[in-house]
Amino acid sequence: MAIDGREAVLWTCNDGAPRVYTITGGDLPEAMEKALTRVWSSGLPLRDHIDLRRRDFDNIAIAIIRALSAGSTDEVAARQLSVSPRTYRRHLASIMERLGITTRFQLGARAAELGLPG
């Protein structure tokens, strides 16, 4: 985050996709609070984040599970993650293999069971 008193630039990564917010205006503190509240609320609770790390799920795996839950196509999800569709599918296959499942439907059910973000 960079702030010069009149303008702020906030960089974040949401669902694996980088985002940049430029905040300007007369009431910079209020605008910053709104922007940070929005970013904070989209994050994963710390206990869930730690649990997923213990299960060896990285940010890409979590973003892929979220994309599937949101109904995104492979192409759209791959673009949001800045990877090729083939790489996206390879990541997806790895997640499914680690969970011992064979279909995307099973992945959704298993992810809900494990408390993975959806």
PDB file of N, CA and C in Angstrom:
ATOM      1  N   MET A   1       0.856  -1.159   0.000  1.00  0.00           N
ATOM      2  CA  MET A   1       0.000   0.000   0.000  1.00  0.00           C
ATOM      3  C   MET A   1       0.907   1.227   0.000  1.00  0.00           C
ATOM      4  N   ALA A   2       0.531   2.215  -0.787  1.00  0.00           N
ATOM      5  CA  ALA A   2       1.262   3.481  -0.821  1.00  0.00           C
ATOM      6  C   ALA A   2       0.261   4.613  -0.650  1.00  0.00           C
ATOM      7  N   ILE A   3       0.580   5.525   0.259  1.00  0.00           N
ATOM      8  CA  ILE A   3      -0.318   6.653   0.530  1.00  0.00           C
ATOM      9  C   ILE A   3       0.513   7.928   0.532  1.00  0.00           C
ATOM     10  N   ASP A   4       0.026   8.965  -0.139  1.00  0.00           N
ATOM     11  CA  ASP A   4       0.750  10.244  -0.133  1.00  0.00           C
ATOM     12  C   ASP A   4      -0.080  11.383   0.459  1.00  0.00           C
ATOM     13  N   GLY A   5      -1.187  11.068   1.100  1.00  0.00           N
ATOM     14  CA  GLY A   5      -2.023  12.103   1.696  1.00  0.00           C
ATOM     15  C   GLY A   5      -3.214  12.493   0.838  1.00  0.00           C
ATOM     16  N   ARG A   6      -3.109  12.336  -0.479  1.00  0.00           N
ATOM     17  CA  ARG A   6      -4.213  12.655  -1.383  1.00  0.00           C
ATOM     18  C   ARG A   6      -4.715  11.430  -2.122  1.00  0.00           C
ATOM     19  N   GLU A   7      -3.877  10.415  -2.200  1.00  0.00           N
ATOM     20  CA  GLU A   7      -4.192   9.244  -3.008  1.00  0.00           C
ATOM     21  C   GLU A   7      -3.550   8.011  -2.362  1.00  0.00           C
ATOM     22  N   ALA A   8      -4.207   6.876  -2.524  1.00  0.00           N
ATOM     23  CA  ALA A   8      -3.660   5.622  -2.010  1.00  0.00           C
ATOM     24  C   ALA A   8      -3.780   4.552  -3.086  1.00  0.00           C
ATOM     25  N   VAL A   9      -2.817   3.670  -3.127  1.00  0.00           N
ATOM     26  CA  VAL A   9      -2.837   2.538  -4.037  1.00  0.00           C
ATOM     27  C   VAL A   9      -2.711   1.297  -3.168  1.00  0.00           C
ATOM     28  N   LEU A  10      -3.664   0.393  -3.335  1.00  0.00           N
ATOM     29  CA  LEU A  10      -3.719  -0.817  -2.524  1.00  0.00           C
ATOM     30  C   LEU A  10      -3.639  -2.021  -3.450  1.00  0.00           C
ATOM     31  N   TRP A  11      -2.679  -2.891  -3.232  1.00  0.00           N
ATOM     32  CA  TRP A  11      -2.526  -4.105  -4.033  1.00  0.00           C
ATOM     33  C   TRP A  11      -2.939  -5.288  -3.176  1.00  0.00           C
ATOM     34  N   THR A  12      -3.695  -6.209  -3.752  1.00  0.00           N
ATOM     35  CA  THR A  12      -4.108  -7.410  -3.042  1.00  0.00           C
ATOM     36  C   THR A  12      -4.218  -8.555  -4.034  1.00  0.00           C
ATOM     37  N   CYS A  13      -4.346  -9.746  -3.511  1.00  0.00           N
ATOM     38  CA  CYS A  13      -4.526 -10.925  -4.350  1.00  0.00           C
ATOM     39  C   CYS A  13      -5.780 -11.622  -3.844  1.00  0.00           C
ATOM     40  N   ASN A  14      -6.814 -11.650  -4.663  1.00  0.00           N
ATOM     41  CA  ASN A  14      -8.098 -12.211  -4.269  1.00  0.00           C
ATOM     42  C   ASN A  14      -8.428 -13.386  -5.174  1.00  0.00           C
ATOM     43  N   ASP A  15      -8.631 -14.567  -4.577  1.00  0.00           N
ATOM     44  CA  ASP A  15      -8.921 -15.778  -5.350  1.00  0.00           C
ATOM     45  C   ASP A  15      -7.835 -16.064  -6.378  1.00  0.00           C
ATOM     46  N   GLY A  16      -6.604 -15.757  -6.022  1.00  0.00           N
ATOM     47  CA  GLY A  16      -5.499 -16.026  -6.920  1.00  0.00           C
ATOM     48  C   GLY A  16      -5.294 -14.986  -7.997  1.00  0.00           C
ATOM     49  N   ALA A  17      -6.162 -14.000  -8.062  1.00  0.00           N
ATOM     50  CA  ALA A  17      -6.050 -12.970  -9.090  1.00  0.00           C
ATOM     51  C   ALA A  17      -5.590 -11.658  -8.450  1.00  0.00           C
ATOM     52  N   PRO A  18      -4.499 -11.082  -8.955  1.00  0.00           N
ATOM     53  CA  PRO A  18      -4.045  -9.807  -8.383  1.00  0.00           C
ATOM     54  C   PRO A  18      -5.033  -8.686  -8.685  1.00  0.00           C
ATOM     55  N   ARG A  19      -5.204  -7.816  -7.712  1.00  0.00           N
ATOM     56  CA  ARG A  19      -6.105  -6.668  -7.863  1.00  0.00           C
ATOM     57  C   ARG A  19      -5.376  -5.418  -7.364  1.00  0.00           C
ATOM     58  N   VAL A  20      -5.611  -4.298  -8.021  1.00  0.00           N
ATOM     59  CA  VAL A  20      -5.059  -3.019  -7.600  1.00  0.00           C
ATOM     60  C   VAL A  20      -6.209  -2.036  -7.482  1.00  0.00           C
ATOM     61  N   TYR A  21      -6.280  -1.378  -6.342  1.00  0.00           N
ATOM     62  CA  TYR A  21      -7.315  -0.371  -6.107  1.00  0.00           C
ATOM     63  C   TYR A  21      -6.623   0.984  -5.949  1.00  0.00           C
ATOM     64  N   THR A  22      -7.119   1.987  -6.648  1.00  0.00           N
ATOM     65  CA  THR A  22      -6.643   3.356  -6.481  1.00  0.00           C
ATOM     66  C   THR A  22      -7.741   4.119  -5.761  1.00  0.00           C
ATOM     67  N   ILE A  23      -7.373   4.730  -4.666  1.00  0.00           N
ATOM     68  CA  ILE A  23      -8.357   5.437  -3.843  1.00  0.00           C
ATOM     69  C   ILE A  23      -7.978   6.909  -3.819  1.00  0.00           C
ATOM     70  N   THR A  24      -8.908   7.748  -4.237  1.00  0.00           N
ATOM     71  CA  THR A  24      -8.685   9.191  -4.225  1.00  0.00           C
ATOM     72  C   THR A  24      -9.929   9.863  -3.673  1.00  0.00           C
ATOM     73  N   GLY A  25      -9.811  11.095  -3.349  1.00  0.00           N
ATOM     74  CA  GLY A  25     -10.992  11.831  -2.911  1.00  0.00           C
ATOM     75  C   GLY A  25     -10.722  12.622  -1.662  1.00  0.00           C
ATOM     76  N   GLY A  26     -11.746  13.374  -1.286  1.00  0.00           N
ATOM     77  CA  GLY A  26     -11.617  14.267  -0.149  1.00  0.00           C
ATOM     78  C   GLY A  26     -11.454  13.566   1.178  1.00  0.00           C
ATOM     79  N   ASP A  27     -12.118  12.447   1.369  1.00  0.00           N
ATOM     80  CA  ASP A  27     -12.054  11.765   2.656  1.00  0.00           C
ATOM     81  C   ASP A  27     -11.292  10.445   2.508  1.00  0.00           C
ATOM     82  N   LEU A  28      -9.990  10.568   2.354  1.00  0.00           N
ATOM     83  CA  LEU A  28      -9.149   9.399   2.128  1.00  0.00           C
ATOM     84  C   LEU A  28      -9.241   8.374   3.265  1.00  0.00           C
ATOM     85  N   PRO A  29      -9.229   8.765   4.545  1.00  0.00           N
ATOM     86  CA  PRO A  29      -9.326   7.745   5.608  1.00  0.00           C
ATOM     87  C   PRO A  29     -10.599   6.901   5.525  1.00  0.00           C
ATOM     88  N   GLU A  30     -11.737   7.537   5.249  1.00  0.00           N
ATOM     89  CA  GLU A  30     -12.991   6.785   5.139  1.00  0.00           C
ATOM     90  C   GLU A  30     -12.959   5.852   3.931  1.00  0.00           C
ATOM     91  N   ALA A  31     -12.454   6.341   2.817  1.00  0.00           N
ATOM     92  CA  ALA A  31     -12.349   5.510   1.618  1.00  0.00           C
ATOM     93  C   ALA A  31     -11.402   4.333   1.849  1.00  0.00           C
ATOM     94  N   MET A  32     -10.301   4.575   2.556  1.00  0.00           N
ATOM     95  CA  MET A  32      -9.348   3.496   2.871  1.00  0.00           C
ATOM     96  C   MET A  32     -10.015   2.445   3.760  1.00  0.00           C
ATOM     97  N   GLU A  33     -10.767   2.898   4.742  1.00  0.00           N
ATOM     98  CA  GLU A  33     -11.442   1.964   5.635  1.00  0.00           C
ATOM     99  C   GLU A  33     -12.404   1.071   4.854  1.00  0.00           C
ATOM    100  N   LYS A  34     -13.176   1.644   3.954  1.00  0.00           N
ATOM    101  CA  LYS A  34     -14.110   0.854   3.146  1.00  0.00           C
ATOM    102  C   LYS A  34     -13.370  -0.157   2.276  1.00  0.00           C
ATOM    103  N   ALA A  35     -12.290   0.298   1.629  1.00  0.00           N
ATOM    104  CA  ALA A  35     -11.527  -0.599   0.754  1.00  0.00           C
ATOM    105  C   ALA A  35     -10.895  -1.737   1.557  1.00  0.00           C
ATOM    106  N   LEU A  36     -10.285  -1.414   2.672  1.00  0.00           N
ATOM    107  CA  LEU A  36      -9.633  -2.447   3.487  1.00  0.00           C
ATOM    108  C   LEU A  36     -10.655  -3.409   4.092  1.00  0.00           C
ATOM    109  N   THR A  37     -11.817  -2.914   4.459  1.00  0.00           N
ATOM    110  CA  THR A  37     -12.876  -3.783   4.980  1.00  0.00           C
ATOM    111  C   THR A  37     -13.312  -4.773   3.908  1.00  0.00           C
ATOM    112  N   ARG A  38     -13.452  -4.306   2.672  1.00  0.00           N
ATOM    113  CA  ARG A  38     -13.845  -5.185   1.567  1.00  0.00           C
ATOM    114  C   ARG A  38     -12.781  -6.264   1.338  1.00  0.00           C
ATOM    115  N   VAL A  39     -11.523  -5.869   1.303  1.00  0.00           N
ATOM    116  CA  VAL A  39     -10.436  -6.829   1.082  1.00  0.00           C
ATOM    117  C   VAL A  39     -10.372  -7.818   2.241  1.00  0.00           C
ATOM    118  N   TRP A  40     -10.446  -7.302   3.478  1.00  0.00           N
ATOM    119  CA  TRP A  40     -10.362  -8.157   4.662  1.00  0.00           C
ATOM    120  C   TRP A  40     -11.486  -9.189   4.672  1.00  0.00           C
ATOM    121  N   SER A  41     -12.700  -8.782   4.324  1.00  0.00           N
ATOM    122  CA  SER A  41     -13.850  -9.689   4.382  1.00  0.00           C
ATOM    123  C   SER A  41     -13.775 -10.785   3.324  1.00  0.00           C
ATOM    124  N   SER A  42     -13.006 -10.578   2.266  1.00  0.00           N
ATOM    125  CA  SER A  42     -12.890 -11.613   1.238  1.00  0.00           C
ATOM    126  C   SER A  42     -11.803 -12.626   1.570  1.00  0.00           C
ATOM    127  N   GLY A  43     -11.075 -12.408   2.645  1.00  0.00           N
ATOM    128  CA  GLY A  43      -9.975 -13.303   3.008  1.00  0.00           C
ATOM    129  C   GLY A  43     -10.445 -14.561   3.713  1.00  0.00           C
ATOM    130  N   LEU A  44      -9.528 -15.485   3.829  1.00  0.00           N
ATOM    131  CA  LEU A  44      -9.765 -16.755   4.503  1.00  0.00           C
ATOM    132  C   LEU A  44      -9.456 -16.582   5.986  1.00  0.00           C
ATOM    133  N   PRO A  45     -10.338 -17.024   6.903  1.00  0.00           N
ATOM    134  CA  PRO A  45     -10.021 -16.920   8.331  1.00  0.00           C
ATOM    135  C   PRO A  45      -8.687 -17.611   8.640  1.00  0.00           C
ATOM    136  N   LEU A  46      -7.930 -17.047   9.566  1.00  0.00           N
ATOM    137  CA  LEU A  46      -6.600 -17.552   9.876  1.00  0.00           C
ATOM    138  C   LEU A  46      -6.612 -19.035  10.237  1.00  0.00           C
ATOM    139  N   ARG A  47      -7.568 -19.474  11.045  1.00  0.00           N
ATOM    140  CA  ARG A  47      -7.593 -20.888  11.440  1.00  0.00           C
ATOM    141  C   ARG A  47      -7.789 -21.801  10.227  1.00  0.00           C
ATOM    142  N   ASP A  48      -8.613 -21.361   9.262  1.00  0.00           N
ATOM    143  CA  ASP A  48      -8.808 -22.141   8.036  1.00  0.00           C
ATOM    144  C   ASP A  48      -7.540 -22.141   7.193  1.00  0.00           C
ATOM    145  N   HIS A  49      -6.896 -20.987   7.118  1.00  0.00           N
ATOM    146  CA  HIS A  49      -5.663 -20.865   6.350  1.00  0.00           C
ATOM    147  C   HIS A  49      -4.598 -21.812   6.916  1.00  0.00           C
ATOM    148  N   ILE A  50      -4.430 -21.813   8.223  1.00  0.00           N
ATOM    149  CA  ILE A  50      -3.437 -22.683   8.863  1.00  0.00           C
ATOM    150  C   ILE A  50      -3.790 -24.146   8.645  1.00  0.00           C
ATOM    151  N   ASP A  51      -5.065 -24.498   8.780  1.00  0.00           N
ATOM    152  CA  ASP A  51      -5.490 -25.883   8.578  1.00  0.00           C
ATOM    153  C   ASP A  51      -5.220 -26.332   7.151  1.00  0.00           C
ATOM    154  N   LEU A  52      -5.497 -25.471   6.179  1.00  0.00           N
ATOM    155  CA  LEU A  52      -5.251 -25.823   4.780  1.00  0.00           C
ATOM    156  C   LEU A  52      -3.762 -25.989   4.516  1.00  0.00           C
ATOM    157  N   ARG A  53      -2.936 -25.157   5.128  1.00  0.00           N
ATOM    158  CA  ARG A  53      -1.493 -25.289   4.959  1.00  0.00           C
ATOM    159  C   ARG A  53      -1.016 -26.627   5.515  1.00  0.00           C
ATOM    160  N   ARG A  54      -1.596 -27.039   6.640  1.00  0.00           N
ATOM    161  CA  ARG A  54      -1.237 -28.348   7.210  1.00  0.00           C
ATOM    162  C   ARG A  54      -1.603 -29.468   6.252  1.00  0.00           C
ATOM    163  N   ARG A  55      -2.666 -29.267   5.502  1.00  0.00           N
ATOM    164  CA  ARG A  55      -3.098 -30.271   4.523  1.00  0.00           C
ATOM    165  C   ARG A  55      -2.359 -30.105   3.193  1.00  0.00           C
ATOM    166  N   ASP A  56      -1.412 -29.161   3.149  1.00  0.00           N
ATOM    167  CA  ASP A  56      -0.566 -28.923   1.974  1.00  0.00           C
ATOM    168  C   ASP A  56      -1.339 -28.363   0.783  1.00  0.00           C
ATOM    169  N   PHE A  57      -2.347 -27.527   1.047  1.00  0.00           N
ATOM    170  CA  PHE A  57      -3.053 -26.832  -0.025  1.00  0.00           C
ATOM    171  C   PHE A  57      -2.468 -25.427  -0.134  1.00  0.00           C
ATOM    172  N   ASP A  58      -1.959 -25.097  -1.314  1.00  0.00           N
ATOM    173  CA  ASP A  58      -1.393 -23.769  -1.527  1.00  0.00           C
ATOM    174  C   ASP A  58      -2.464 -22.818  -2.057  1.00  0.00           C
ATOM    175  N   ASN A  59      -2.065 -21.580  -2.301  1.00  0.00           N
ATOM    176  CA  ASN A  59      -3.013 -20.570  -2.777  1.00  0.00           C
ATOM    177  C   ASN A  59      -3.654 -20.952  -4.100  1.00  0.00           C
ATOM    178  N   ILE A  60      -2.890 -21.580  -4.982  1.00  0.00           N
ATOM    179  CA  ILE A  60      -3.431 -21.999  -6.282  1.00  0.00           C
ATOM    180  C   ILE A  60      -4.531 -23.036  -6.069  1.00  0.00           C
ATOM    181  N   ALA A  61      -4.274 -24.025  -5.210  1.00  0.00           N
ATOM    182  CA  ALA A  61      -5.275 -25.070  -4.958  1.00  0.00           C
ATOM    183  C   ALA A  61      -6.554 -24.461  -4.388  1.00  0.00           C
ATOM    184  N   ILE A  62      -6.407 -23.549  -3.459  1.00  0.00           N
ATOM    185  CA  ILE A  62      -7.572 -22.906  -2.850  1.00  0.00           C
ATOM    186  C   ILE A  62      -8.330 -22.097  -3.902  1.00  0.00           C
ATOM    187  N   ALA A  63      -7.610 -21.364  -4.743  1.00  0.00           N
ATOM    188  CA  ALA A  63      -8.246 -20.568  -5.790  1.00  0.00           C
ATOM    189  C   ALA A  63      -8.965 -21.455  -6.800  1.00  0.00           C
ATOM    190  N   ILE A  64      -8.397 -22.615  -7.110  1.00  0.00           N
ATOM    191  CA  ILE A  64      -9.037 -23.543  -8.045  1.00  0.00           C
ATOM    192  C   ILE A  64     -10.329 -24.088  -7.451  1.00  0.00           C
ATOM    193  N   ILE A  65     -10.304 -24.445  -6.189  1.00  0.00           N
ATOM    194  CA  ILE A  65     -11.512 -24.947  -5.532  1.00  0.00           C
ATOM    195  C   ILE A  65     -12.585 -23.868  -5.517  1.00  0.00           C
ATOM    196  N   ARG A  66     -12.184 -22.633  -5.235  1.00  0.00           N
ATOM    197  CA  ARG A  66     -13.143 -21.523  -5.248  1.00  0.00           C
ATOM    198  C   ARG A  66     -13.721 -21.312  -6.647  1.00  0.00           C
ATOM    199  N   ALA A  67     -12.866 -21.391  -7.661  1.00  0.00           N
ATOM    200  CA  ALA A  67     -13.329 -21.187  -9.042  1.00  0.00           C
ATOM    201  C   ALA A  67     -14.334 -22.263  -9.428  1.00  0.00           C
ATOM    202  N   LEU A  68     -14.056 -23.512  -9.038  1.00  0.00           N
ATOM    203  CA  LEU A  68     -14.994 -24.598  -9.327  1.00  0.00           C
ATOM    204  C   LEU A  68     -16.317 -24.372  -8.613  1.00  0.00           C
ATOM    205  N   SER A  69     -16.233 -23.953  -7.359  1.00  0.00           N
ATOM    206  CA  SER A  69     -17.450 -23.702  -6.584  1.00  0.00           C
ATOM    207  C   SER A  69     -18.273 -22.577  -7.187  1.00  0.00           C
ATOM    208  N   ALA A  70     -17.583 -21.602  -7.798  1.00  0.00           N
ATOM    209  CA  ALA A  70     -18.267 -20.466  -8.410  1.00  0.00           C
ATOM    210  C   ALA A  70     -18.816 -20.808  -9.787  1.00  0.00           C
ATOM    211  N   GLY A  71     -18.476 -21.990 -10.310  1.00  0.00           N
ATOM    212  CA  GLY A  71     -18.969 -22.402 -11.614  1.00  0.00           C
ATOM    213  C   GLY A  71     -18.180 -21.859 -12.791  1.00  0.00           C
ATOM    214  N   SER A  72     -16.972 -21.369 -12.528  1.00  0.00           N
ATOM    215  CA  SER A  72     -16.141 -20.832 -13.613  1.00  0.00           C
ATOM    216  C   SER A  72     -15.681 -21.950 -14.543  1.00  0.00           C
ATOM    217  N   THR A  73     -15.593 -21.635 -15.818  1.00  0.00           N
ATOM    218  CA  THR A  73     -15.033 -22.602 -16.762  1.00  0.00           C
ATOM    219  C   THR A  73     -13.529 -22.680 -16.534  1.00  0.00           C
ATOM    220  N   ASP A  74     -12.930 -23.744 -17.038  1.00  0.00           N
ATOM    221  CA  ASP A  74     -11.478 -23.896 -16.898  1.00  0.00           C
ATOM    222  C   ASP A  74     -10.745 -22.706 -17.512  1.00  0.00           C
ATOM    223  N   GLU A  75     -11.210 -22.258 -18.659  1.00  0.00           N
ATOM    224  CA  GLU A  75     -10.543 -21.164 -19.358  1.00  0.00           C
ATOM    225  C   GLU A  75     -10.610 -19.863 -18.554  1.00  0.00           C
ATOM    226  N   VAL A  76     -11.785 -19.561 -18.022  1.00  0.00           N
ATOM    227  CA  VAL A  76     -11.946 -18.335 -17.230  1.00  0.00           C
ATOM    228  C   VAL A  76     -11.109 -18.418 -15.957  1.00  0.00           C
ATOM    229  N   ALA A  77     -11.181 -19.536 -15.258  1.00  0.00           N
ATOM    230  CA  ALA A  77     -10.415 -19.700 -14.026  1.00  0.00           C
ATOM    231  C   ALA A  77      -8.913 -19.633 -14.304  1.00  0.00           C
ATOM    232  N   ALA A  78      -8.467 -20.272 -15.375  1.00  0.00           N
ATOM    233  CA  ALA A  78      -7.047 -20.240 -15.727  1.00  0.00           C
ATOM    234  C   ALA A  78      -6.591 -18.808 -15.987  1.00  0.00           C
ATOM    235  N   ARG A  79      -7.409 -18.054 -16.717  1.00  0.00           N
ATOM    236  CA  ARG A  79      -7.073 -16.659 -17.002  1.00  0.00           C
ATOM    237  C   ARG A  79      -6.981 -15.855 -15.709  1.00  0.00           C
ATOM    238  N   GLN A  80      -7.910 -16.074 -14.778  1.00  0.00           N
ATOM    239  CA  GLN A  80      -7.885 -15.346 -13.506  1.00  0.00           C
ATOM    240  C   GLN A  80      -6.648 -15.688 -12.692  1.00  0.00           C
ATOM    241  N   LEU A  81      -6.151 -16.907 -12.836  1.00  0.00           N
ATOM    242  CA  LEU A  81      -4.960 -17.343 -12.101  1.00  0.00           C
ATOM    243  C   LEU A  81      -3.670 -17.085 -12.876  1.00  0.00           C
ATOM    244  N   SER A  82      -3.806 -16.541 -14.073  1.00  0.00           N
ATOM    245  CA  SER A  82      -2.652 -16.252 -14.945  1.00  0.00           C
ATOM    246  C   SER A  82      -1.848 -17.506 -15.277  1.00  0.00           C
ATOM    247  N   VAL A  83      -2.569 -18.593 -15.552  1.00  0.00           N
ATOM    248  CA  VAL A  83      -1.930 -19.835 -16.006  1.00  0.00           C
ATOM    249  C   VAL A  83      -2.669 -20.307 -17.251  1.00  0.00           C
ATOM    250  N   SER A  84      -2.060 -21.231 -17.958  1.00  0.00           N
ATOM    251  CA  SER A  84      -2.732 -21.782 -19.140  1.00  0.00           C
ATOM    252  C   SER A  84      -3.819 -22.747 -18.696  1.00  0.00           C
ATOM    253  N   PRO A  85      -4.823 -22.983 -19.543  1.00  0.00           N
ATOM    254  CA  PRO A  85      -5.854 -23.966 -19.194  1.00  0.00           C
ATOM    255  C   PRO A  85      -5.260 -25.353 -18.905  1.00  0.00           C
ATOM    256  N   ARG A  86      -4.216 -25.707 -19.635  1.00  0.00           N
ATOM    257  CA  ARG A  86      -3.578 -27.007 -19.398  1.00  0.00           C
ATOM    258  C   ARG A  86      -2.940 -27.074 -18.001  1.00  0.00           C
ATOM    259  N   THR A  87      -2.261 -26.005 -17.606  1.00  0.00           N
ATOM    260  CA  THR A  87      -1.666 -25.954 -16.259  1.00  0.00           C
ATOM    261  C   THR A  87      -2.755 -25.987 -15.200  1.00  0.00           C
ATOM    262  N   TYR A  88      -3.831 -25.246 -15.444  1.00  0.00           N
ATOM    263  CA  TYR A  88      -4.968 -25.242 -14.520  1.00  0.00           C
ATOM    264  C   TYR A  88      -5.494 -26.663 -14.328  1.00  0.00           C
ATOM    265  N   ARG A  89      -5.691 -27.392 -15.432  1.00  0.00           N
ATOM    266  CA  ARG A  89      -6.210 -28.763 -15.349  1.00  0.00           C
ATOM    267  C   ARG A  89      -5.222 -29.694 -14.646  1.00  0.00           C
ATOM    268  N   ARG A  90      -3.931 -29.440 -14.834  1.00  0.00           N
ATOM    269  CA  ARG A  90      -2.923 -30.245 -14.126  1.00  0.00           C
ATOM    270  C   ARG A  90      -3.017 -30.018 -12.619  1.00  0.00           C
ATOM    271  N   HIS A  91      -3.168 -28.755 -12.217  1.00  0.00           N
ATOM    272  CA  HIS A  91      -3.352 -28.446 -10.792  1.00  0.00           C
ATOM    273  C   HIS A  91      -4.615 -29.135 -10.260  1.00  0.00           C
ATOM    274  N   LEU A  92      -5.681 -29.037 -11.026  1.00  0.00           N
ATOM    275  CA  LEU A  92      -6.956 -29.648 -10.636  1.00  0.00           C
ATOM    276  C   LEU A  92      -6.793 -31.158 -10.458  1.00  0.00           C
ATOM    277  N   ALA A  93      -6.127 -31.801 -11.387  1.00  0.00           N
ATOM    278  CA  ALA A  93      -5.900 -33.256 -11.292  1.00  0.00           C
ATOM    279  C   ALA A  93      -5.083 -33.599 -10.047  1.00  0.00           C
ATOM    280  N   SER A  94      -4.111 -32.766  -9.717  1.00  0.00           N
ATOM    281  CA  SER A  94      -3.292 -32.997  -8.519  1.00  0.00           C
ATOM    282  C   SER A  94      -4.131 -32.894  -7.249  1.00  0.00           C
ATOM    283  N   ILE A  95      -4.997 -31.896  -7.193  1.00  0.00           N
ATOM    284  CA  ILE A  95      -5.878 -31.728  -6.029  1.00  0.00           C
ATOM    285  C   ILE A  95      -6.772 -32.957  -5.878  1.00  0.00           C
ATOM    286  N   MET A  96      -7.366 -33.382  -6.987  1.00  0.00           N
ATOM    287  CA  MET A  96      -8.278 -34.528  -6.953  1.00  0.00           C
ATOM    288  C   MET A  96      -7.533 -35.804  -6.540  1.00  0.00           C
ATOM    289  N   GLU A  97      -6.318 -35.960  -7.023  1.00  0.00           N
ATOM    290  CA  GLU A  97      -5.518 -37.132  -6.655  1.00  0.00           C
ATOM    291  C   GLU A  97      -5.191 -37.129  -5.168  1.00  0.00           C
ATOM    292  N   ARG A  98      -4.800 -35.959  -4.629  1.00  0.00           N
ATOM    293  CA  ARG A  98      -4.476 -35.860  -3.200  1.00  0.00           C
ATOM    294  C   ARG A  98      -5.688 -36.166  -2.322  1.00  0.00           C
ATOM    295  N   LEU A  99      -6.882 -35.833  -2.829  1.00  0.00           N
ATOM    296  CA  LEU A  99      -8.096 -36.090  -2.061  1.00  0.00           C
ATOM    297  C   LEU A  99      -8.691 -37.467  -2.353  1.00  0.00           C
ATOM    298  N   GLY A 100      -8.123 -38.186  -3.317  1.00  0.00           N
ATOM    299  CA  GLY A 100      -8.596 -39.531  -3.635  1.00  0.00           C
ATOM    300  C   GLY A 100      -9.961 -39.553  -4.297  1.00  0.00           C
ATOM    301  N   ILE A 101     -10.214 -38.603  -5.181  1.00  0.00           N
ATOM    302  CA  ILE A 101     -11.502 -38.516  -5.860  1.00  0.00           C
ATOM    303  C   ILE A 101     -11.285 -38.504  -7.372  1.00  0.00           C
ATOM    304  N   THR A 102     -12.369 -38.723  -8.125  1.00  0.00           N
ATOM    305  CA  THR A 102     -12.222 -38.822  -9.578  1.00  0.00           C
ATOM    306  C   THR A 102     -13.090 -37.847 -10.367  1.00  0.00           C
ATOM    307  N   THR A 103     -14.038 -37.178  -9.718  1.00  0.00           N
ATOM    308  CA  THR A 103     -14.894 -36.245 -10.459  1.00  0.00           C
ATOM    309  C   THR A 103     -14.900 -34.871  -9.786  1.00  0.00           C
ATOM    310  N   ARG A 104     -15.263 -33.872 -10.562  1.00  0.00           N
ATOM    311  CA  ARG A 104     -15.350 -32.509 -10.026  1.00  0.00           C
ATOM    312  C   ARG A 104     -16.470 -32.393  -9.000  1.00  0.00           C
ATOM    313  N   PHE A 105     -17.542 -33.131  -9.205  1.00  0.00           N
ATOM    314  CA  PHE A 105     -18.635 -33.137  -8.223  1.00  0.00           C
ATOM    315  C   PHE A 105     -18.121 -33.656  -6.879  1.00  0.00           C
ATOM    316  N   GLN A 106     -17.359 -34.746  -6.924  1.00  0.00           N
ATOM    317  CA  GLN A 106     -16.779 -35.289  -5.694  1.00  0.00           C
ATOM    318  C   GLN A 106     -15.855 -34.268  -5.034  1.00  0.00           C
ATOM    319  N   LEU A 107     -15.135 -33.503  -5.855  1.00  0.00           N
ATOM    320  CA  LEU A 107     -14.245 -32.476  -5.305  1.00  0.00           C
ATOM    321  C   LEU A 107     -15.039 -31.440  -4.523  1.00  0.00           C
ATOM    322  N   GLY A 108     -16.168 -31.005  -5.089  1.00  0.00           N
ATOM    323  CA  GLY A 108     -17.006 -30.049  -4.370  1.00  0.00           C
ATOM    324  C   GLY A 108     -17.505 -30.593  -3.052  1.00  0.00           C
ATOM    325  N   ALA A 109     -17.968 -31.845  -3.073  1.00  0.00           N
ATOM    326  CA  ALA A 109     -18.469 -32.474  -1.851  1.00  0.00           C
ATOM    327  C   ALA A 109     -17.348 -32.656  -0.836  1.00  0.00           C
ATOM    328  N   ARG A 110     -16.204 -33.124  -1.303  1.00  0.00           N
ATOM    329  CA  ARG A 110     -15.066 -33.361  -0.399  1.00  0.00           C
ATOM    330  C   ARG A 110     -14.526 -32.055   0.168  1.00  0.00           C
ATOM    331  N   ALA A 111     -14.491 -31.007  -0.662  1.00  0.00           N
ATOM    332  CA  ALA A 111     -14.028 -29.707  -0.204  1.00  0.00           C
ATOM    333  C   ALA A 111     -14.937 -29.180   0.897  1.00  0.00           C
ATOM    334  N   ALA A 112     -16.254 -29.336   0.740  1.00  0.00           N
ATOM    335  CA  ALA A 112     -17.197 -28.899   1.775  1.00  0.00           C
ATOM    336  C   ALA A 112     -16.985 -29.698   3.055  1.00  0.00           C
ATOM    337  N   GLU A 113     -16.765 -31.006   2.907  1.00  0.00           N
ATOM    338  CA  GLU A 113     -16.509 -31.867   4.055  1.00  0.00           C
ATOM    339  C   GLU A 113     -15.288 -31.418   4.851  1.00  0.00           C
ATOM    340  N   LEU A 114     -14.236 -31.035   4.132  1.00  0.00           N
ATOM    341  CA  LEU A 114     -12.981 -30.616   4.760  1.00  0.00           C
ATOM    342  C   LEU A 114     -13.003 -29.172   5.237  1.00  0.00           C
ATOM    343  N   GLY A 115     -14.079 -28.468   4.888  1.00  0.00           N
ATOM    344  CA  GLY A 115     -14.162 -27.076   5.270  1.00  0.00           C
ATOM    345  C   GLY A 115     -13.340 -26.168   4.383  1.00  0.00           C
ATOM    346  N   LEU A 116     -13.026 -26.644   3.178  1.00  0.00           N
ATOM    347  CA  LEU A 116     -12.265 -25.814   2.260  1.00  0.00           C
ATOM    348  C   LEU A 116     -13.161 -24.695   1.751  1.00  0.00           C
ATOM    349  N   PRO A 117     -12.576 -23.548   1.441  1.00  0.00           N
ATOM    350  CA  PRO A 117     -13.384 -22.417   0.991  1.00  0.00           C
ATOM    351  C   PRO A 117     -14.075 -22.708  -0.314  1.00  0.00           C
ATOM    352  N   GLY A 118     -15.267 -22.198  -0.441  1.00  0.00           N
ATOM    353  CA  GLY A 118     -16.029 -22.444  -1.655  1.00  0.00           C
ATOM    354  C   GLY A 118     -16.469 -21.193  -2.327  1.00  0.00           C
TER     355      GLY A 118
END
